[in-house]
Amino acid sequence: MYIRTRLALWFMLILAVVLVTFSVSIYNLTHDSLLAQAKGDVRNLAGALVTAGALLITLEHQRVKRVERRWLAEHPDRSPHLRAG
């Protein structure tokens, strides 16, 4: 085998190893960055959903209390045990 051919093959092998190493490094950096960003987005969305859910529960509780007070005012002779709260 000619020396030029061997040198060309060695050069291609070294170039391939460098390119694969570089590609794997870039992939890992990008993957970690995107994963961290996605986790942050999910965490923010979950927090917003919990806050919205708590607000809706509070509003519904206030509505139920208002309906109960109205019902008790309209029916004073019924359910005296409800007047304790």
N, C-alpha and C. Protein backbone atom coordinates (compact mmCIF):
# COMPACT_ATOMS: atom_id res chain seq x y z
N MET A 1 0.86 -1.17 0.00
CA MET A 1 0.00 0.00 0.00
C MET A 1 0.91 1.23 0.00
N TYR A 2 0.51 2.21 -0.77
CA TYR A 2 1.31 3.43 -0.86
C TYR A 2 1.23 4.25 0.42
N ILE A 3 2.29 5.00 0.65
CA ILE A 3 2.34 5.84 1.84
C ILE A 3 1.27 6.93 1.79
N ARG A 4 1.02 7.46 0.59
CA ARG A 4 -0.05 8.48 0.45
C ARG A 4 -1.41 7.91 0.84
N THR A 5 -1.66 6.70 0.43
CA THR A 5 -2.94 6.07 0.74
C THR A 5 -3.08 5.86 2.24
N ARG A 6 -2.00 5.38 2.88
CA ARG A 6 -2.04 5.17 4.32
C ARG A 6 -2.23 6.48 5.07
N LEU A 7 -1.51 7.52 4.67
CA LEU A 7 -1.66 8.82 5.30
C LEU A 7 -3.08 9.37 5.13
N ALA A 8 -3.64 9.19 3.96
CA ALA A 8 -5.01 9.65 3.70
C ALA A 8 -6.00 8.90 4.58
N LEU A 9 -5.80 7.59 4.73
CA LEU A 9 -6.69 6.80 5.58
C LEU A 9 -6.56 7.21 7.04
N TRP A 10 -5.33 7.42 7.51
CA TRP A 10 -5.13 7.89 8.89
C TRP A 10 -5.77 9.26 9.10
N PHE A 11 -5.60 10.13 8.14
CA PHE A 11 -6.21 11.46 8.25
C PHE A 11 -7.73 11.36 8.32
N MET A 12 -8.32 10.51 7.48
CA MET A 12 -9.78 10.35 7.50
C MET A 12 -10.24 9.76 8.83
N LEU A 13 -9.46 8.81 9.38
CA LEU A 13 -9.82 8.21 10.66
C LEU A 13 -9.75 9.25 11.79
N ILE A 14 -8.70 10.02 11.81
CA ILE A 14 -8.56 11.06 12.84
C ILE A 14 -9.66 12.10 12.69
N LEU A 15 -9.94 12.51 11.47
CA LEU A 15 -11.02 13.48 11.22
C LEU A 15 -12.37 12.93 11.66
N ALA A 16 -12.62 11.65 11.39
CA ALA A 16 -13.88 11.03 11.79
C ALA A 16 -14.00 11.00 13.31
N VAL A 17 -12.93 10.66 14.01
CA VAL A 17 -12.96 10.62 15.48
C VAL A 17 -13.21 12.03 16.04
N VAL A 18 -12.55 13.03 15.49
CA VAL A 18 -12.75 14.41 15.95
C VAL A 18 -14.19 14.85 15.70
N LEU A 19 -14.71 14.56 14.52
CA LEU A 19 -16.08 14.96 14.20
C LEU A 19 -17.10 14.25 15.09
N VAL A 20 -16.91 12.98 15.34
CA VAL A 20 -17.84 12.24 16.20
C VAL A 20 -17.77 12.77 17.63
N THR A 21 -16.57 13.02 18.13
CA THR A 21 -16.42 13.57 19.48
C THR A 21 -17.09 14.94 19.59
N PHE A 22 -16.86 15.79 18.61
CA PHE A 22 -17.47 17.11 18.60
C PHE A 22 -19.00 17.00 18.54
N SER A 23 -19.49 16.13 17.68
CA SER A 23 -20.94 15.96 17.53
C SER A 23 -21.58 15.45 18.81
N VAL A 24 -20.96 14.48 19.45
CA VAL A 24 -21.50 13.94 20.70
C VAL A 24 -21.49 15.01 21.79
N SER A 25 -20.44 15.80 21.85
CA SER A 25 -20.37 16.88 22.84
C SER A 25 -21.47 17.90 22.62
N ILE A 26 -21.66 18.33 21.40
CA ILE A 26 -22.71 19.31 21.07
C ILE A 26 -24.09 18.73 21.38
N TYR A 27 -24.30 17.46 21.04
CA TYR A 27 -25.57 16.82 21.32
C TYR A 27 -25.85 16.82 22.82
N ASN A 28 -24.87 16.42 23.62
CA ASN A 28 -25.08 16.36 25.07
C ASN A 28 -25.36 17.73 25.65
N LEU A 29 -24.63 18.75 25.23
CA LEU A 29 -24.86 20.10 25.73
C LEU A 29 -26.26 20.60 25.36
N THR A 30 -26.64 20.37 24.12
CA THR A 30 -27.96 20.81 23.65
C THR A 30 -29.06 20.04 24.37
N HIS A 31 -28.87 18.75 24.52
CA HIS A 31 -29.87 17.91 25.18
C HIS A 31 -30.08 18.36 26.63
N ASP A 32 -29.00 18.57 27.35
CA ASP A 32 -29.10 18.99 28.75
C ASP A 32 -29.77 20.36 28.87
N SER A 33 -29.40 21.26 27.96
CA SER A 33 -29.97 22.61 27.99
C SER A 33 -31.48 22.57 27.71
N LEU A 34 -31.86 21.84 26.69
CA LEU A 34 -33.28 21.75 26.34
C LEU A 34 -34.07 21.03 27.42
N LEU A 35 -33.49 20.01 28.02
CA LEU A 35 -34.18 19.29 29.09
C LEU A 35 -34.38 20.18 30.30
N ALA A 36 -33.37 20.95 30.65
CA ALA A 36 -33.51 21.87 31.78
C ALA A 36 -34.57 22.93 31.49
N GLN A 37 -34.60 23.42 30.26
CA GLN A 37 -35.60 24.42 29.89
C GLN A 37 -37.00 23.82 29.94
N ALA A 38 -37.16 22.60 29.44
CA ALA A 38 -38.47 21.95 29.46
C ALA A 38 -38.93 21.69 30.90
N LYS A 39 -38.00 21.28 31.76
CA LYS A 39 -38.37 21.05 33.17
C LYS A 39 -38.81 22.36 33.83
N GLY A 40 -38.12 23.44 33.52
CA GLY A 40 -38.50 24.74 34.07
C GLY A 40 -39.88 25.17 33.59
N ASP A 41 -40.14 24.95 32.30
CA ASP A 41 -41.45 25.30 31.75
C ASP A 41 -42.56 24.49 32.40
N VAL A 42 -42.33 23.20 32.58
CA VAL A 42 -43.34 22.34 33.21
C VAL A 42 -43.55 22.77 34.67
N ARG A 43 -42.46 23.10 35.37
CA ARG A 43 -42.57 23.54 36.75
C ARG A 43 -43.39 24.83 36.84
N ASN A 44 -43.14 25.78 35.94
CA ASN A 44 -43.89 27.03 35.93
C ASN A 44 -45.37 26.79 35.62
N LEU A 45 -45.63 25.93 34.66
CA LEU A 45 -47.02 25.62 34.29
C LEU A 45 -47.74 24.93 35.45
N ALA A 46 -47.07 24.02 36.12
CA ALA A 46 -47.70 23.33 37.25
C ALA A 46 -48.01 24.32 38.37
N GLY A 47 -47.10 25.24 38.62
CA GLY A 47 -47.36 26.25 39.64
C GLY A 47 -48.54 27.12 39.30
N ALA A 48 -48.64 27.50 38.03
CA ALA A 48 -49.77 28.32 37.59
C ALA A 48 -51.09 27.55 37.72
N LEU A 49 -51.06 26.27 37.38
CA LEU A 49 -52.29 25.46 37.50
C LEU A 49 -52.71 25.29 38.96
N VAL A 50 -51.75 25.10 39.85
CA VAL A 50 -52.07 24.97 41.27
C VAL A 50 -52.67 26.27 41.79
N THR A 51 -52.08 27.39 41.40
CA THR A 51 -52.59 28.70 41.83
C THR A 51 -54.01 28.92 41.31
N ALA A 52 -54.22 28.63 40.03
CA ALA A 52 -55.55 28.81 39.44
C ALA A 52 -56.56 27.88 40.11
N GLY A 53 -56.16 26.64 40.39
CA GLY A 53 -57.06 25.70 41.06
C GLY A 53 -57.43 26.17 42.45
N ALA A 54 -56.46 26.68 43.19
CA ALA A 54 -56.74 27.17 44.54
C ALA A 54 -57.68 28.37 44.48
N LEU A 55 -57.49 29.23 43.50
CA LEU A 55 -58.38 30.39 43.35
C LEU A 55 -59.80 29.94 43.03
N LEU A 56 -59.94 28.97 42.13
CA LEU A 56 -61.27 28.47 41.78
C LEU A 56 -61.94 27.80 42.98
N ILE A 57 -61.19 27.06 43.76
CA ILE A 57 -61.77 26.41 44.95
C ILE A 57 -62.23 27.47 45.94
N THR A 58 -61.43 28.51 46.13
CA THR A 58 -61.81 29.59 47.06
C THR A 58 -63.07 30.29 46.58
N LEU A 59 -63.13 30.59 45.29
CA LEU A 59 -64.32 31.25 44.75
C LEU A 59 -65.56 30.38 44.89
N GLU A 60 -65.43 29.10 44.65
CA GLU A 60 -66.57 28.19 44.77
C GLU A 60 -67.01 28.09 46.22
N HIS A 61 -66.06 28.05 47.13
CA HIS A 61 -66.40 27.99 48.55
C HIS A 61 -67.18 29.23 48.97
N GLN A 62 -66.75 30.39 48.50
CA GLN A 62 -67.46 31.64 48.82
C GLN A 62 -68.88 31.62 48.24
N ARG A 63 -69.00 31.09 47.02
CA ARG A 63 -70.33 31.01 46.40
C ARG A 63 -71.25 30.08 47.18
N VAL A 64 -70.74 28.95 47.62
CA VAL A 64 -71.55 28.00 48.38
C VAL A 64 -71.98 28.61 49.71
N LYS A 65 -71.06 29.31 50.37
CA LYS A 65 -71.43 29.97 51.63
C LYS A 65 -72.52 31.02 51.41
N ARG A 66 -72.42 31.76 50.30
CA ARG A 66 -73.43 32.78 50.00
C ARG A 66 -74.79 32.13 49.73
N VAL A 67 -74.82 31.04 48.98
CA VAL A 67 -76.06 30.33 48.70
C VAL A 67 -76.64 29.76 49.99
N GLU A 68 -75.79 29.23 50.85
CA GLU A 68 -76.26 28.67 52.12
C GLU A 68 -76.87 29.77 53.00
N ARG A 69 -76.22 30.91 53.08
CA ARG A 69 -76.78 32.01 53.88
C ARG A 69 -78.12 32.46 53.33
N ARG A 70 -78.23 32.55 52.02
CA ARG A 70 -79.49 32.95 51.41
C ARG A 70 -80.58 31.93 51.71
N TRP A 71 -80.25 30.65 51.60
CA TRP A 71 -81.24 29.61 51.85
C TRP A 71 -81.68 29.65 53.31
N LEU A 72 -80.73 29.83 54.22
CA LEU A 72 -81.09 29.89 55.63
C LEU A 72 -81.95 31.11 55.93
N ALA A 73 -81.71 32.21 55.25
CA ALA A 73 -82.54 33.41 55.46
C ALA A 73 -83.95 33.18 54.94
N GLU A 74 -84.08 32.43 53.85
CA GLU A 74 -85.40 32.16 53.28
C GLU A 74 -86.15 31.06 54.02
N HIS A 75 -85.44 30.20 54.74
CA HIS A 75 -86.04 29.07 55.45
C HIS A 75 -85.56 29.08 56.90
N PRO A 76 -86.03 30.00 57.70
CA PRO A 76 -85.53 30.10 59.08
C PRO A 76 -85.94 28.93 59.96
N ASP A 77 -87.01 28.24 59.60
CA ASP A 77 -87.52 27.15 60.44
C ASP A 77 -86.83 25.82 60.13
N ARG A 78 -85.98 25.75 59.10
CA ARG A 78 -85.38 24.47 58.69
C ARG A 78 -83.91 24.40 59.07
N SER A 79 -83.46 23.20 59.31
CA SER A 79 -82.05 22.88 59.56
C SER A 79 -81.37 23.81 60.54
N PRO A 80 -81.73 23.76 61.80
CA PRO A 80 -81.07 24.61 62.78
C PRO A 80 -79.59 24.23 62.99
N HIS A 81 -79.21 22.98 62.68
CA HIS A 81 -77.82 22.58 62.86
C HIS A 81 -76.90 23.27 61.85
N LEU A 82 -77.44 23.80 60.76
CA LEU A 82 -76.63 24.52 59.78
C LEU A 82 -76.27 25.92 60.27
N ARG A 83 -77.02 26.42 61.24
CA ARG A 83 -76.77 27.79 61.73
C ARG A 83 -75.54 27.87 62.62
N ALA A 84 -75.02 26.75 63.08
CA ALA A 84 -73.87 26.77 63.99
C ALA A 84 -72.62 27.30 63.27
N GLY A 85 -72.45 27.04 61.97
CA GLY A 85 -71.25 27.46 61.27
C GLY A 85 -71.42 28.77 60.64
